[in-house]
Amino acid sequence: MPRAKMNAERRAQILAALELCIVHQGLARTSLNDVAERAGLARPLVRHFVGNRDNMIKLLFQSLIDRGEAQLNTLTEDGDQPELRHMLDLLFGDLFSNAASNIVVSELWSLARNNDEIQASLRSLYDRIFDLLIVGMKAEGYGISKQQRRDTAFCIVSLAYGHASFREIGLSSKKKSAPRLAADTLLADILNKS
């Protein structure tokens, strides 16, 4: 097996172990030793493949960003603007559906407050989501201005993320489709004001 592929596989193994550690004990209580044990590797090997704890966390964060980008790329594979309903399906379905990833992202949000690099990565991903929604709204005749569409996109993404966050702590609407219907209501509201 080529060295680069082996290195990538080891790194993925370590990041998966880190993710599980964060899910089970939180980021603050997760050490390199914990990750090494969960990955079934010696601590020096973990350091060799991912560096120190801070670097390992940055790598995990980037892998989560890459997963989100990959999900968005499934909608834009042919280069066309995805239909708005497909964007909403992604937001209220797959994008925030992984419980473990949601827990890890919640843990990493606190790091974003103090880390410009993580903030920039997060902003870049969410700006891409906002842009896809804004362009989709414009193409389908929603809203009278870019700002109105951006405000609506912000509300829709907030609704989707909030829904996923509440679901993680056992709070949800009796009607599973309620958050998605609320997003449709937001869109209908700006359609009527066009």
Foldseek 3Di string as FASTA:
>chain_A
DDPVVVLVVLLVLLLVLLLVCCLVPNDVPDALVSSCVSSVHDSVVNCVSQNHPVSSLVVSLVVLLVVLVVLVCVQCVVVDQHALVVLLCCLQPVNLPDLSSLSSVVRCVVVLVVDVVSVVSVCVSLVVSLVSQLVNLVVVQFADDSVLSSVLSVVLNCLSSVQSVCVSVPDHDPDSCVSSVVSVVSRVVRNVVD
